[in-house]
């Protein structure tokens, strides 16, 4: 049996710990081993909230052959940085998919993805690797989401939407069918994308418009 290590020690990482206990494969293919620090140290009170041991950090932890990993950090750029460190050291990532998630058999999905409760990934959708779907988020038919993207609670990626790499979606935001969101874009809370968000752009509102 593999032993899952959660990268990150913040609030979302603690949520993923409990989601993992209700995910496909828990107790049969893998169990939970503990947490690894990322690149930012938290105050002592934060570490006291962890429900499993802190095993070290991504730079110093001594990997074992039966370890596997998931990165539970919201920031796409930080997530990518930490994932690459672990991959370079030979670490293996798995998907953590909650038992209430709906994933159609035609879905194409990479590795290292987190699907929290009530997520839906529908017919012929494509999910890259190291993508986070927080609770009640999902994708419609033929949509695509690129590597390292993070979708917070209640996100709606509708049919035929194209989403690039390292995008971040604030809670309650959505994209209408056939819209396009390029790499490194940030979609603000409760915003609606109607057409196109250019690479590296932050947008907010209905319709979503560039800010800053």
C-alpha atoms as a PDB file:
ATOM      1  CA  UNK A   1       0.000   0.000   0.000  1.00  0.00           C
ATOM      2  CA  UNK A   2       1.149   3.526  -0.802  1.00  0.00           C
ATOM      3  CA  UNK A   3       1.353   6.253   1.849  1.00  0.00           C
ATOM      4  CA  UNK A   4      -0.013   9.643   0.784  1.00  0.00           C
ATOM      5  CA  UNK A   5       1.786  12.825   1.793  1.00  0.00           C
ATOM      6  CA  UNK A   6      -0.003  16.160   1.444  1.00  0.00           C
ATOM      7  CA  UNK A   7       2.216  19.037   0.330  1.00  0.00           C
ATOM      8  CA  UNK A   8       1.113  22.198   2.119  1.00  0.00           C
ATOM      9  CA  UNK A   9       0.026  22.904   5.673  1.00  0.00           C
ATOM     10  CA  UNK A  10      -2.524  25.702   5.254  1.00  0.00           C
ATOM     11  CA  UNK A  11      -6.279  25.609   5.610  1.00  0.00           C
ATOM     12  CA  UNK A  12      -6.966  24.015   2.243  1.00  0.00           C
ATOM     13  CA  UNK A  13      -4.400  21.292   2.930  1.00  0.00           C
ATOM     14  CA  UNK A  14      -6.243  20.475   6.147  1.00  0.00           C
ATOM     15  CA  UNK A  15      -9.504  20.244   4.206  1.00  0.00           C
ATOM     16  CA  UNK A  16      -7.911  17.898   1.667  1.00  0.00           C
ATOM     17  CA  UNK A  17      -6.775  15.627   4.519  1.00  0.00           C
ATOM     18  CA  UNK A  18     -10.402  14.962   5.471  1.00  0.00           C
ATOM     19  CA  UNK A  19     -11.559  14.747   1.854  1.00  0.00           C
ATOM     20  CA  UNK A  20      -8.866  12.149   1.215  1.00  0.00           C
ATOM     21  CA  UNK A  21     -10.360   9.859   3.847  1.00  0.00           C
ATOM     22  CA  UNK A  22     -13.541   9.761   1.742  1.00  0.00           C
ATOM     23  CA  UNK A  23     -11.777   9.425  -1.610  1.00  0.00           C
ATOM     24  CA  UNK A  24     -11.432   6.539  -4.055  1.00  0.00           C
ATOM     25  CA  UNK A  25      -8.563   4.245  -3.073  1.00  0.00           C
ATOM     26  CA  UNK A  26      -8.252   5.328   0.559  1.00  0.00           C
ATOM     27  CA  UNK A  27      -7.655   2.304   2.778  1.00  0.00           C
ATOM     28  CA  UNK A  28      -7.238  -0.073  -0.160  1.00  0.00           C
ATOM     29  CA  UNK A  29      -4.581   1.473  -2.412  1.00  0.00           C
ATOM     30  CA  UNK A  30      -3.147   4.146  -0.122  1.00  0.00           C
ATOM     31  CA  UNK A  31      -3.414   5.646   3.336  1.00  0.00           C
ATOM     32  CA  UNK A  32      -2.441   9.006   4.841  1.00  0.00           C
ATOM     33  CA  UNK A  33       1.067   9.545   6.161  1.00  0.00           C
ATOM     34  CA  UNK A  34       1.283  13.264   6.929  1.00  0.00           C
ATOM     35  CA  UNK A  35       2.086  16.750   5.659  1.00  0.00           C
ATOM     36  CA  UNK A  36       5.077  18.517   4.149  1.00  0.00           C
ATOM     37  CA  UNK A  37       5.835  22.201   4.535  1.00  0.00           C
ATOM     38  CA  UNK A  38       6.032  24.249   1.371  1.00  0.00           C
ATOM     39  CA  UNK A  39       8.290  27.280   1.015  1.00  0.00           C
ATOM     40  CA  UNK A  40       6.568  29.454   3.655  1.00  0.00           C
ATOM     41  CA  UNK A  41       6.676  28.766   7.386  1.00  0.00           C
ATOM     42  CA  UNK A  42       3.436  29.336   9.295  1.00  0.00           C
ATOM     43  CA  UNK A  43       3.001  30.309  12.928  1.00  0.00           C
ATOM     44  CA  UNK A  44       2.958  27.609  15.600  1.00  0.00           C
ATOM     45  CA  UNK A  45      -0.826  27.682  16.011  1.00  0.00           C
ATOM     46  CA  UNK A  46      -1.305  26.694  12.361  1.00  0.00           C
ATOM     47  CA  UNK A  47       0.797  23.546  12.773  1.00  0.00           C
ATOM     48  CA  UNK A  48      -1.172  22.559  15.857  1.00  0.00           C
ATOM     49  CA  UNK A  49      -4.290  22.235  13.667  1.00  0.00           C
ATOM     50  CA  UNK A  50      -2.778  19.466  11.525  1.00  0.00           C
ATOM     51  CA  UNK A  51      -4.496  16.098  11.969  1.00  0.00           C
ATOM     52  CA  UNK A  52      -1.427  14.100  10.900  1.00  0.00           C
ATOM     53  CA  UNK A  53       2.327  14.478  11.489  1.00  0.00           C
ATOM     54  CA  UNK A  54       4.431  17.193   9.891  1.00  0.00           C
ATOM     55  CA  UNK A  55       7.134  15.163   8.142  1.00  0.00           C
ATOM     56  CA  UNK A  56       9.440  17.992   7.103  1.00  0.00           C
ATOM     57  CA  UNK A  57       9.543  20.098   3.965  1.00  0.00           C
ATOM     58  CA  UNK A  58       9.840  19.464   0.235  1.00  0.00           C
ATOM     59  CA  UNK A  59      13.595  20.143   0.239  1.00  0.00           C
ATOM     60  CA  UNK A  60      14.704  17.958   3.144  1.00  0.00           C
ATOM     61  CA  UNK A  61      12.170  15.132   3.459  1.00  0.00           C
ATOM     62  CA  UNK A  62      13.721  11.708   2.889  1.00  0.00           C
ATOM     63  CA  UNK A  63      11.475  10.069   0.310  1.00  0.00           C
ATOM     64  CA  UNK A  64      10.614   6.388   0.648  1.00  0.00           C
ATOM     65  CA  UNK A  65       9.669   3.965  -2.128  1.00  0.00           C
ATOM     66  CA  UNK A  66       6.064   3.598  -0.951  1.00  0.00           C
ATOM     67  CA  UNK A  67       5.389   7.339  -0.678  1.00  0.00           C
ATOM     68  CA  UNK A  68       3.006   9.178  -2.969  1.00  0.00           C
ATOM     69  CA  UNK A  69       2.080  12.853  -3.012  1.00  0.00           C
ATOM     70  CA  UNK A  70      -0.640  15.418  -3.615  1.00  0.00           C
ATOM     71  CA  UNK A  71      -0.079  19.202  -3.590  1.00  0.00           C
ATOM     72  CA  UNK A  72      -2.880  21.042  -1.778  1.00  0.00           C
ATOM     73  CA  UNK A  73      -1.819  24.645  -2.354  1.00  0.00           C
ATOM     74  CA  UNK A  74      -4.075  27.179  -4.070  1.00  0.00           C
ATOM     75  CA  UNK A  75      -1.515  29.417  -5.767  1.00  0.00           C
ATOM     76  CA  UNK A  76      -0.797  27.895  -9.198  1.00  0.00           C
ATOM     77  CA  UNK A  77       2.746  29.274  -9.369  1.00  0.00           C
ATOM     78  CA  UNK A  78       3.675  28.050  -5.892  1.00  0.00           C
ATOM     79  CA  UNK A  79       2.052  24.696  -6.608  1.00  0.00           C
ATOM     80  CA  UNK A  80       4.095  24.286  -9.779  1.00  0.00           C
ATOM     81  CA  UNK A  81       7.319  25.209  -8.005  1.00  0.00           C
ATOM     82  CA  UNK A  82       6.812  22.656  -5.223  1.00  0.00           C
ATOM     83  CA  UNK A  83       5.554  19.904  -7.514  1.00  0.00           C
ATOM     84  CA  UNK A  84       8.600  20.260  -9.741  1.00  0.00           C
ATOM     85  CA  UNK A  85      10.898  19.908  -6.733  1.00  0.00           C
ATOM     86  CA  UNK A  86       9.264  16.638  -5.765  1.00  0.00           C
ATOM     87  CA  UNK A  87       9.225  15.323  -9.332  1.00  0.00           C
ATOM     88  CA  UNK A  88      12.918  16.105  -9.692  1.00  0.00           C
ATOM     89  CA  UNK A  89      13.559  13.932  -6.641  1.00  0.00           C
ATOM     90  CA  UNK A  90      11.577  11.046  -8.100  1.00  0.00           C
ATOM     91  CA  UNK A  91       8.307  11.571  -6.204  1.00  0.00           C
ATOM     92  CA  UNK A  92       5.062  10.005  -7.456  1.00  0.00           C
ATOM     93  CA  UNK A  93       1.793  11.952  -7.567  1.00  0.00           C
ATOM     94  CA  UNK A  94      -1.680  10.421  -7.525  1.00  0.00           C
ATOM     95  CA  UNK A  95      -5.175  11.767  -8.106  1.00  0.00           C
ATOM     96  CA  UNK A  96      -7.342  12.283  -5.015  1.00  0.00           C
ATOM     97  CA  UNK A  97     -10.970  11.978  -6.152  1.00  0.00           C
ATOM     98  CA  UNK A  98     -13.751  12.240  -3.592  1.00  0.00           C
ATOM     99  CA  UNK A  99     -16.369   9.499  -3.748  1.00  0.00           C
ATOM    100  CA  UNK A 100     -19.124  12.034  -4.445  1.00  0.00           C
ATOM    101  CA  UNK A 101     -17.366  13.381  -7.555  1.00  0.00           C
ATOM    102  CA  UNK A 102     -18.816  12.529 -10.981  1.00  0.00           C
ATOM    103  CA  UNK A 103     -16.217  11.718 -13.634  1.00  0.00           C
ATOM    104  CA  UNK A 104     -17.537  10.409 -16.929  1.00  0.00           C
ATOM    105  CA  UNK A 105     -15.644   7.452 -18.471  1.00  0.00           C
ATOM    106  CA  UNK A 106     -14.721   9.544 -21.529  1.00  0.00           C
ATOM    107  CA  UNK A 107     -12.763  12.105 -19.466  1.00  0.00           C
ATOM    108  CA  UNK A 108      -9.015  12.444 -20.063  1.00  0.00           C
ATOM    109  CA  UNK A 109      -7.151  13.298 -16.869  1.00  0.00           C
ATOM    110  CA  UNK A 110      -3.510  13.662 -15.875  1.00  0.00           C
ATOM    111  CA  UNK A 111      -1.966  13.068 -12.450  1.00  0.00           C
ATOM    112  CA  UNK A 112      -1.793  14.950  -9.175  1.00  0.00           C
ATOM    113  CA  UNK A 113      -5.340  16.301  -9.442  1.00  0.00           C
ATOM    114  CA  UNK A 114      -7.654  16.999  -6.500  1.00  0.00           C
ATOM    115  CA  UNK A 115     -11.412  16.565  -6.944  1.00  0.00           C
ATOM    116  CA  UNK A 116     -13.199  17.661  -3.777  1.00  0.00           C
ATOM    117  CA  UNK A 117     -16.796  16.752  -2.828  1.00  0.00           C
ATOM    118  CA  UNK A 118     -19.525  17.144  -5.469  1.00  0.00           C
ATOM    119  CA  UNK A 119     -17.151  17.998  -8.327  1.00  0.00           C
ATOM    120  CA  UNK A 120     -18.290  17.008 -11.814  1.00  0.00           C
ATOM    121  CA  UNK A 121     -16.129  16.387 -14.888  1.00  0.00           C
ATOM    122  CA  UNK A 122     -18.358  15.527 -17.834  1.00  0.00           C
ATOM    123  CA  UNK A 123     -18.295  13.892 -21.256  1.00  0.00           C
ATOM    124  CA  UNK A 124     -15.005  14.170 -23.182  1.00  0.00           C
ATOM    125  CA  UNK A 125     -13.629  16.890 -20.912  1.00  0.00           C
ATOM    126  CA  UNK A 126      -9.835  17.103 -20.603  1.00  0.00           C
ATOM    127  CA  UNK A 127      -8.058  17.837 -17.310  1.00  0.00           C
ATOM    128  CA  UNK A 128      -4.311  18.389 -17.216  1.00  0.00           C
ATOM    129  CA  UNK A 129      -2.114  17.515 -14.252  1.00  0.00           C
ATOM    130  CA  UNK A 130      -1.959  19.087 -10.779  1.00  0.00           C
ATOM    131  CA  UNK A 131      -5.348  20.756 -11.183  1.00  0.00           C
ATOM    132  CA  UNK A 132      -7.446  21.525  -8.100  1.00  0.00           C
ATOM    133  CA  UNK A 133     -11.246  21.463  -8.140  1.00  0.00           C
ATOM    134  CA  UNK A 134     -12.675  22.647  -4.836  1.00  0.00           C
ATOM    135  CA  UNK A 135     -16.176  21.624  -3.752  1.00  0.00           C
ATOM    136  CA  UNK A 136     -19.153  21.890  -6.140  1.00  0.00           C
ATOM    137  CA  UNK A 137     -16.960  22.915  -9.077  1.00  0.00           C
ATOM    138  CA  UNK A 138     -16.853  21.286 -12.447  1.00  0.00           C
ATOM    139  CA  UNK A 139     -16.518  21.137 -16.206  1.00  0.00           C
ATOM    140  CA  UNK A 140     -19.050  20.555 -18.943  1.00  0.00           C
ATOM    141  CA  UNK A 141     -18.667  18.426 -22.060  1.00  0.00           C
ATOM    142  CA  UNK A 142     -15.611  18.943 -24.290  1.00  0.00           C
ATOM    143  CA  UNK A 143     -14.082  21.569 -21.991  1.00  0.00           C
ATOM    144  CA  UNK A 144     -10.338  21.677 -21.237  1.00  0.00           C
ATOM    145  CA  UNK A 145      -8.374  22.887 -18.196  1.00  0.00           C
ATOM    146  CA  UNK A 146      -4.577  23.114 -18.257  1.00  0.00           C
ATOM    147  CA  UNK A 147      -1.917  22.033 -15.764  1.00  0.00           C
ATOM    148  CA  UNK A 148      -1.586  23.617 -12.307  1.00  0.00           C
ATOM    149  CA  UNK A 149      -4.878  25.501 -12.495  1.00  0.00           C
ATOM    150  CA  UNK A 150      -6.830  26.043  -9.259  1.00  0.00           C
ATOM    151  CA  UNK A 151     -10.614  26.288  -9.231  1.00  0.00           C
ATOM    152  CA  UNK A 152     -12.104  27.315  -5.906  1.00  0.00           C
ATOM    153  CA  UNK A 153     -15.618  26.517  -4.665  1.00  0.00           C
ATOM    154  CA  UNK A 154     -18.605  26.596  -6.998  1.00  0.00           C
ATOM    155  CA  UNK A 155     -16.768  27.136 -10.303  1.00  0.00           C
ATOM    156  CA  UNK A 156     -18.631  26.381 -13.537  1.00  0.00           C
ATOM    157  CA  UNK A 157     -16.528  25.692 -16.619  1.00  0.00           C
ATOM    158  CA  UNK A 158     -19.267  25.104 -19.196  1.00  0.00           C
ATOM    159  CA  UNK A 159     -19.137  23.093 -22.416  1.00  0.00           C
ATOM    160  CA  UNK A 160     -16.347  23.637 -24.957  1.00  0.00           C
ATOM    161  CA  UNK A 161     -14.458  26.175 -22.816  1.00  0.00           C
ATOM    162  CA  UNK A 162     -10.661  26.255 -23.217  1.00  0.00           C
ATOM    163  CA  UNK A 163      -8.667  27.062 -20.070  1.00  0.00           C
ATOM    164  CA  UNK A 164      -4.882  27.365 -20.106  1.00  0.00           C
ATOM    165  CA  UNK A 165      -2.224  26.507 -17.546  1.00  0.00           C
ATOM    166  CA  UNK A 166      -1.817  28.035 -14.063  1.00  0.00           C
ATOM    167  CA  UNK A 167      -5.167  29.810 -14.044  1.00  0.00           C
ATOM    168  CA  UNK A 168      -6.834  30.736 -10.778  1.00  0.00           C
ATOM    169  CA  UNK A 169     -10.610  30.938 -10.337  1.00  0.00           C
ATOM    170  CA  UNK A 170     -12.202  32.738  -7.389  1.00  0.00           C
ATOM    171  CA  UNK A 171     -15.234  31.146  -5.772  1.00  0.00           C
ATOM    172  CA  UNK A 172     -18.476  31.269  -7.725  1.00  0.00           C
ATOM    173  CA  UNK A 173     -16.951  32.295 -11.056  1.00  0.00           C
ATOM    174  CA  UNK A 174     -17.824  30.754 -14.422  1.00  0.00           C
ATOM    175  CA  UNK A 175     -17.086  30.735 -18.127  1.00  0.00           C
ATOM    176  CA  UNK A 176     -19.806  30.554 -20.789  1.00  0.00           C
ATOM    177  CA  UNK A 177     -19.639  27.974 -23.610  1.00  0.00           C
ATOM    178  CA  UNK A 178     -16.815  28.359 -26.156  1.00  0.00           C
ATOM    179  CA  UNK A 179     -15.009  31.069 -24.183  1.00  0.00           C
ATOM    180  CA  UNK A 180     -11.201  30.975 -23.862  1.00  0.00           C
ATOM    181  CA  UNK A 181      -8.978  31.713 -20.872  1.00  0.00           C
ATOM    182  CA  UNK A 182      -5.243  31.835 -21.540  1.00  0.00           C
ATOM    183  CA  UNK A 183      -2.320  30.801 -19.316  1.00  0.00           C
ATOM    184  CA  UNK A 184      -1.796  32.511 -15.933  1.00  0.00           C
ATOM    185  CA  UNK A 185      -5.116  34.350 -15.966  1.00  0.00           C
ATOM    186  CA  UNK A 186      -6.914  35.149 -12.695  1.00  0.00           C
ATOM    187  CA  UNK A 187     -10.716  35.135 -12.624  1.00  0.00           C
ATOM    188  CA  UNK A 188     -12.179  37.101  -9.704  1.00  0.00           C
ATOM    189  CA  UNK A 189     -14.834  35.912  -7.269  1.00  0.00           C
ATOM    190  CA  UNK A 190     -18.330  35.543  -8.811  1.00  0.00           C
ATOM    191  CA  UNK A 191     -17.129  36.758 -12.215  1.00  0.00           C
ATOM    192  CA  UNK A 192     -18.430  35.543 -15.583  1.00  0.00           C
ATOM    193  CA  UNK A 193     -16.173  35.134 -18.623  1.00  0.00           C
ATOM    194  CA  UNK A 194     -18.098  35.618 -21.865  1.00  0.00           C
ATOM    195  CA  UNK A 195     -15.397  35.532 -24.561  1.00  0.00           C
ATOM    196  CA  UNK A 196     -11.645  35.679 -24.023  1.00  0.00           C
ATOM    197  CA  UNK A 197      -9.224  36.400 -21.165  1.00  0.00           C
ATOM    198  CA  UNK A 198      -5.664  37.043 -22.316  1.00  0.00           C
ATOM    199  CA  UNK A 199      -2.629  35.446 -20.712  1.00  0.00           C
ATOM    200  CA  UNK A 200      -1.621  36.868 -17.330  1.00  0.00           C
ATOM    201  CA  UNK A 201      -4.713  39.082 -17.082  1.00  0.00           C
ATOM    202  CA  UNK A 202      -6.745  39.557 -13.895  1.00  0.00           C
ATOM    203  CA  UNK A 203     -10.450  40.023 -14.511  1.00  0.00           C
ATOM    204  CA  UNK A 204     -13.463  40.701 -12.320  1.00  0.00           C
ATOM    205  CA  UNK A 205     -17.179  41.302 -12.685  1.00  0.00           C
ATOM    206  CA  UNK A 206     -20.078  40.447 -14.999  1.00  0.00           C
ATOM    207  CA  UNK A 207     -18.921  40.472 -17.702  1.00  0.00           C
ATOM    208  CA  UNK A 208     -15.365  39.832 -16.458  1.00  0.00           C
ATOM    209  CA  UNK A 209     -13.182  42.853 -17.256  1.00  0.00           C
ATOM    210  CA  UNK A 210      -9.466  43.492 -16.684  1.00  0.00           C
ATOM    211  CA  UNK A 211      -8.453  45.075 -13.362  1.00  0.00           C
ATOM    212  CA  UNK A 212      -5.178  46.573 -12.085  1.00  0.00           C
END
